Amino acid sequence: MVKARINEIDCMLFYDERITPENAPFGYPHMYHLRHDEDDWTCPISIERFVAVNFFGTVFMKEPIEIERGGYTQVRHFCLEADYAIFRIGGALFEKIFCP
């Protein structure tokens, strides 16, 4: 779980994880899914009620957002709080970086 800010809204992001509403972080009851671009998986492009393809992660917000007519809301601004970001890397890459 990572603190994030999407479209100027504070939220909790579970990157690349499908979380159920029953497991919502305290105080963040509104759940949405994020979709990434077909060619760039590093940044979300839309907020939706459910994403099957190009899933970026699950996001929880304190207040509900308006999902636009097409079934999504465009992500105009996205940032992670650096103090809370945790990156996972595989063993071979870890050894290559940290154990030359």
N, C-alpha and C. Protein backbone atom coordinates (compact mmCIF):
# COMPACT_ATOMS: atom_id res chain seq x y z
N MET A 1 0.85 -1.17 0.00
CA MET A 1 0.00 0.00 0.00
C MET A 1 0.90 1.24 0.00
N VAL A 2 0.53 2.21 -0.82
CA VAL A 2 1.32 3.42 -0.98
C VAL A 2 0.38 4.62 -0.93
N LYS A 3 0.80 5.66 -0.23
CA LYS A 3 0.04 6.90 -0.28
C LYS A 3 0.28 7.53 -1.64
N ALA A 4 -0.80 8.00 -2.26
CA ALA A 4 -0.70 8.61 -3.59
C ALA A 4 -1.63 9.81 -3.65
N ARG A 5 -1.45 10.57 -4.70
CA ARG A 5 -2.31 11.72 -4.98
C ARG A 5 -2.68 11.63 -6.45
N ILE A 6 -3.98 11.50 -6.71
CA ILE A 6 -4.49 11.37 -8.07
C ILE A 6 -5.50 12.48 -8.30
N ASN A 7 -5.27 13.29 -9.34
CA ASN A 7 -6.16 14.42 -9.65
C ASN A 7 -6.39 15.29 -8.42
N GLU A 8 -5.32 15.52 -7.66
CA GLU A 8 -5.35 16.36 -6.46
C GLU A 8 -6.18 15.76 -5.32
N ILE A 9 -6.39 14.44 -5.34
CA ILE A 9 -7.13 13.74 -4.29
C ILE A 9 -6.18 12.78 -3.58
N ASP A 10 -6.11 12.86 -2.26
CA ASP A 10 -5.29 11.92 -1.49
C ASP A 10 -5.97 10.55 -1.50
N CYS A 11 -5.16 9.52 -1.67
CA CYS A 11 -5.71 8.17 -1.73
C CYS A 11 -4.66 7.15 -1.31
N MET A 12 -5.09 5.90 -1.20
CA MET A 12 -4.20 4.79 -0.89
C MET A 12 -4.20 3.86 -2.10
N LEU A 13 -3.02 3.57 -2.60
CA LEU A 13 -2.86 2.77 -3.82
C LEU A 13 -2.24 1.42 -3.50
N PHE A 14 -2.85 0.39 -4.02
CA PHE A 14 -2.28 -0.95 -3.99
C PHE A 14 -1.82 -1.23 -5.42
N TYR A 15 -0.55 -0.99 -5.68
CA TYR A 15 0.00 -1.13 -7.03
C TYR A 15 -0.02 -2.59 -7.46
N ASP A 16 -0.59 -2.84 -8.62
CA ASP A 16 -0.63 -4.16 -9.24
C ASP A 16 -1.29 -5.22 -8.36
N GLU A 17 -2.21 -4.79 -7.49
CA GLU A 17 -2.93 -5.72 -6.62
C GLU A 17 -4.42 -5.46 -6.72
N ARG A 18 -5.18 -6.54 -6.78
CA ARG A 18 -6.64 -6.44 -6.74
C ARG A 18 -7.08 -6.66 -5.30
N ILE A 19 -7.58 -5.62 -4.69
CA ILE A 19 -7.99 -5.65 -3.30
C ILE A 19 -9.52 -5.59 -3.25
N THR A 20 -10.12 -6.31 -2.33
CA THR A 20 -11.58 -6.30 -2.20
C THR A 20 -12.01 -5.13 -1.32
N PRO A 21 -13.25 -4.68 -1.49
CA PRO A 21 -13.75 -3.57 -0.67
C PRO A 21 -13.70 -3.87 0.83
N GLU A 22 -13.80 -5.14 1.20
CA GLU A 22 -13.76 -5.52 2.61
C GLU A 22 -12.39 -5.25 3.24
N ASN A 23 -11.36 -5.13 2.42
CA ASN A 23 -10.00 -4.88 2.89
C ASN A 23 -9.56 -3.43 2.71
N ALA A 24 -10.53 -2.53 2.63
CA ALA A 24 -10.22 -1.11 2.45
C ALA A 24 -9.47 -0.57 3.66
N PRO A 25 -8.47 0.29 3.43
CA PRO A 25 -7.78 0.93 4.55
C PRO A 25 -8.77 1.79 5.34
N PHE A 26 -8.59 1.86 6.64
CA PHE A 26 -9.49 2.64 7.49
C PHE A 26 -9.58 4.09 7.00
N GLY A 27 -10.80 4.56 6.83
CA GLY A 27 -11.01 5.94 6.41
C GLY A 27 -11.03 6.15 4.90
N TYR A 28 -10.83 5.08 4.14
CA TYR A 28 -10.82 5.15 2.67
C TYR A 28 -11.81 4.13 2.11
N PRO A 29 -13.11 4.39 2.23
CA PRO A 29 -14.10 3.37 1.87
C PRO A 29 -14.46 3.24 0.39
N HIS A 30 -14.01 4.18 -0.45
CA HIS A 30 -14.43 4.17 -1.85
C HIS A 30 -13.34 3.56 -2.73
N MET A 31 -13.66 2.45 -3.38
CA MET A 31 -12.68 1.68 -4.15
C MET A 31 -12.88 1.86 -5.65
N TYR A 32 -11.74 1.99 -6.35
CA TYR A 32 -11.73 2.08 -7.81
C TYR A 32 -10.51 1.33 -8.33
N HIS A 33 -10.53 1.05 -9.62
CA HIS A 33 -9.37 0.45 -10.28
C HIS A 33 -8.74 1.48 -11.20
N LEU A 34 -7.44 1.32 -11.40
CA LEU A 34 -6.70 2.19 -12.32
C LEU A 34 -6.26 1.39 -13.53
N ARG A 35 -6.29 2.04 -14.68
CA ARG A 35 -5.84 1.43 -15.94
C ARG A 35 -4.60 2.15 -16.43
N HIS A 36 -3.63 1.38 -16.93
CA HIS A 36 -2.45 2.00 -17.54
C HIS A 36 -2.58 1.95 -19.06
N ASP A 37 -1.78 2.74 -19.73
CA ASP A 37 -1.76 2.78 -21.19
C ASP A 37 -1.24 1.47 -21.75
N GLU A 38 -1.66 1.14 -22.92
CA GLU A 38 -1.21 -0.09 -23.60
C GLU A 38 0.30 -0.12 -23.77
N ASP A 39 0.90 1.03 -24.03
CA ASP A 39 2.33 1.08 -24.31
C ASP A 39 3.18 1.58 -23.14
N ASP A 40 2.55 2.01 -22.04
CA ASP A 40 3.30 2.53 -20.90
C ASP A 40 2.61 2.11 -19.61
N TRP A 41 3.15 1.11 -18.94
CA TRP A 41 2.53 0.58 -17.72
C TRP A 41 2.99 1.31 -16.46
N THR A 42 3.78 2.38 -16.61
CA THR A 42 4.35 3.05 -15.44
C THR A 42 3.47 4.13 -14.83
N CYS A 43 2.38 4.49 -15.50
CA CYS A 43 1.53 5.57 -15.00
C CYS A 43 0.08 5.29 -15.38
N PRO A 44 -0.85 5.48 -14.45
CA PRO A 44 -2.26 5.23 -14.78
C PRO A 44 -2.83 6.32 -15.69
N ILE A 45 -3.79 5.92 -16.52
CA ILE A 45 -4.43 6.89 -17.42
C ILE A 45 -5.91 7.10 -17.10
N SER A 46 -6.53 6.13 -16.37
CA SER A 46 -7.95 6.30 -16.05
C SER A 46 -8.30 5.63 -14.72
N ILE A 47 -9.37 6.15 -14.12
CA ILE A 47 -9.96 5.60 -12.91
C ILE A 47 -11.30 4.99 -13.32
N GLU A 48 -11.52 3.73 -12.95
CA GLU A 48 -12.74 3.03 -13.36
C GLU A 48 -13.27 2.19 -12.21
N ARG A 49 -14.50 1.75 -12.33
CA ARG A 49 -15.07 0.88 -11.30
C ARG A 49 -14.45 -0.52 -11.36
N PHE A 50 -14.10 -1.00 -12.55
CA PHE A 50 -13.44 -2.29 -12.72
C PHE A 50 -12.58 -2.26 -13.97
N VAL A 51 -11.38 -2.80 -13.88
CA VAL A 51 -10.47 -2.89 -15.02
C VAL A 51 -10.04 -4.34 -15.16
N ALA A 52 -10.23 -4.90 -16.34
CA ALA A 52 -9.80 -6.28 -16.60
C ALA A 52 -8.45 -6.31 -17.33
N VAL A 53 -8.29 -5.44 -18.33
CA VAL A 53 -7.08 -5.40 -19.15
C VAL A 53 -6.32 -4.12 -18.85
N ASN A 54 -4.99 -4.20 -18.82
CA ASN A 54 -4.12 -3.06 -18.51
C ASN A 54 -4.36 -2.54 -17.08
N PHE A 55 -4.52 -3.46 -16.16
CA PHE A 55 -4.76 -3.13 -14.75
C PHE A 55 -3.50 -2.55 -14.12
N PHE A 56 -3.61 -1.36 -13.53
CA PHE A 56 -2.48 -0.70 -12.87
C PHE A 56 -2.51 -0.94 -11.36
N GLY A 57 -3.70 -0.92 -10.77
CA GLY A 57 -3.81 -1.13 -9.34
C GLY A 57 -5.18 -0.77 -8.81
N THR A 58 -5.35 -1.01 -7.50
CA THR A 58 -6.59 -0.67 -6.81
C THR A 58 -6.32 0.57 -5.98
N VAL A 59 -7.26 1.50 -6.01
CA VAL A 59 -7.10 2.74 -5.27
C VAL A 59 -8.33 2.95 -4.39
N PHE A 60 -8.07 3.42 -3.16
CA PHE A 60 -9.13 3.73 -2.22
C PHE A 60 -9.09 5.22 -1.92
N MET A 61 -10.29 5.83 -1.87
CA MET A 61 -10.40 7.27 -1.62
C MET A 61 -11.36 7.53 -0.48
N LYS A 62 -11.19 8.68 0.17
CA LYS A 62 -12.07 9.05 1.28
C LYS A 62 -13.46 9.41 0.81
N GLU A 63 -13.56 10.06 -0.33
CA GLU A 63 -14.84 10.51 -0.88
C GLU A 63 -15.04 9.87 -2.25
N PRO A 64 -16.29 9.64 -2.65
CA PRO A 64 -16.53 9.08 -3.99
C PRO A 64 -16.17 10.11 -5.06
N ILE A 65 -15.78 9.62 -6.22
CA ILE A 65 -15.52 10.51 -7.34
C ILE A 65 -16.58 10.28 -8.40
N GLU A 66 -16.71 11.24 -9.28
CA GLU A 66 -17.67 11.10 -10.36
C GLU A 66 -17.02 10.37 -11.52
N ILE A 67 -17.61 9.25 -11.90
CA ILE A 67 -17.15 8.52 -13.07
C ILE A 67 -17.88 9.13 -14.27
N GLU A 68 -17.12 9.55 -15.25
CA GLU A 68 -17.69 10.27 -16.39
C GLU A 68 -18.53 9.36 -17.27
N ARG A 69 -19.16 9.94 -18.24
CA ARG A 69 -20.12 9.26 -19.10
C ARG A 69 -19.57 8.00 -19.78
N GLY A 70 -18.31 7.98 -20.16
CA GLY A 70 -17.72 6.83 -20.84
C GLY A 70 -17.38 5.67 -19.91
N GLY A 71 -17.65 5.83 -18.60
CA GLY A 71 -17.36 4.77 -17.65
C GLY A 71 -16.00 4.90 -16.98
N TYR A 72 -15.35 6.03 -17.18
CA TYR A 72 -14.05 6.27 -16.56
C TYR A 72 -13.85 7.76 -16.32
N THR A 73 -12.85 8.05 -15.49
CA THR A 73 -12.39 9.42 -15.28
C THR A 73 -10.92 9.46 -15.64
N GLN A 74 -10.52 10.41 -16.43
CA GLN A 74 -9.14 10.52 -16.88
C GLN A 74 -8.23 10.94 -15.73
N VAL A 75 -7.07 10.31 -15.62
CA VAL A 75 -6.06 10.71 -14.65
C VAL A 75 -5.27 11.85 -15.26
N ARG A 76 -5.39 13.03 -14.68
CA ARG A 76 -4.68 14.22 -15.16
C ARG A 76 -3.40 14.46 -14.37
N HIS A 77 -3.38 14.02 -13.11
CA HIS A 77 -2.21 14.23 -12.26
C HIS A 77 -2.04 13.01 -11.37
N PHE A 78 -0.80 12.49 -11.29
CA PHE A 78 -0.53 11.29 -10.49
C PHE A 78 0.85 11.42 -9.85
N CYS A 79 0.89 11.22 -8.53
CA CYS A 79 2.20 11.17 -7.87
C CYS A 79 2.11 10.26 -6.64
N LEU A 80 3.23 9.66 -6.33
CA LEU A 80 3.35 8.81 -5.15
C LEU A 80 4.14 9.57 -4.10
N GLU A 81 3.83 9.32 -2.84
CA GLU A 81 4.63 9.90 -1.77
C GLU A 81 5.89 9.07 -1.65
N ALA A 82 7.01 9.65 -1.97
CA ALA A 82 8.28 8.93 -2.06
C ALA A 82 8.63 8.20 -0.77
N ASP A 83 8.27 8.75 0.37
CA ASP A 83 8.61 8.12 1.63
C ASP A 83 7.92 6.76 1.81
N TYR A 84 6.86 6.53 1.07
CA TYR A 84 6.09 5.31 1.24
C TYR A 84 6.24 4.33 0.09
N ALA A 85 6.96 4.70 -0.94
CA ALA A 85 7.08 3.83 -2.11
C ALA A 85 8.03 2.68 -1.81
N ILE A 86 7.59 1.48 -2.12
CA ILE A 86 8.40 0.28 -1.96
C ILE A 86 8.46 -0.40 -3.33
N PHE A 87 9.65 -0.69 -3.79
CA PHE A 87 9.81 -1.32 -5.08
C PHE A 87 10.28 -2.74 -4.89
N ARG A 88 9.75 -3.65 -5.67
CA ARG A 88 10.14 -5.04 -5.60
C ARG A 88 10.94 -5.39 -6.84
N ILE A 89 12.08 -6.04 -6.64
CA ILE A 89 12.87 -6.49 -7.79
C ILE A 89 13.23 -7.95 -7.58
N GLY A 90 13.42 -8.65 -8.67
CA GLY A 90 13.76 -10.06 -8.62
C GLY A 90 15.18 -10.29 -8.14
N GLY A 91 15.45 -11.50 -7.70
CA GLY A 91 16.75 -11.85 -7.15
C GLY A 91 17.91 -11.62 -8.10
N ALA A 92 17.76 -11.98 -9.38
CA ALA A 92 18.85 -11.82 -10.34
C ALA A 92 19.17 -10.34 -10.54
N LEU A 93 18.15 -9.50 -10.65
CA LEU A 93 18.38 -8.07 -10.82
C LEU A 93 18.99 -7.48 -9.55
N PHE A 94 18.52 -7.92 -8.38
CA PHE A 94 19.09 -7.45 -7.12
C PHE A 94 20.58 -7.76 -7.05
N GLU A 95 20.94 -8.97 -7.39
CA GLU A 95 22.35 -9.37 -7.36
C GLU A 95 23.19 -8.55 -8.34
N LYS A 96 22.62 -8.29 -9.51
CA LYS A 96 23.34 -7.53 -10.52
C LYS A 96 23.59 -6.09 -10.05
N ILE A 97 22.63 -5.51 -9.35
CA ILE A 97 22.75 -4.12 -8.90
C ILE A 97 23.61 -4.02 -7.64
N PHE A 98 23.34 -4.88 -6.65
CA PHE A 98 23.95 -4.72 -5.34
C PHE A 98 25.11 -5.69 -5.03
N CYS A 99 25.33 -6.68 -5.86
CA CYS A 99 26.39 -7.66 -5.60
C CYS A 99 27.24 -7.86 -6.85
N PRO A 100 27.95 -6.82 -7.28
CA PRO A 100 28.71 -6.92 -8.55
C PRO A 100 29.83 -7.94 -8.50
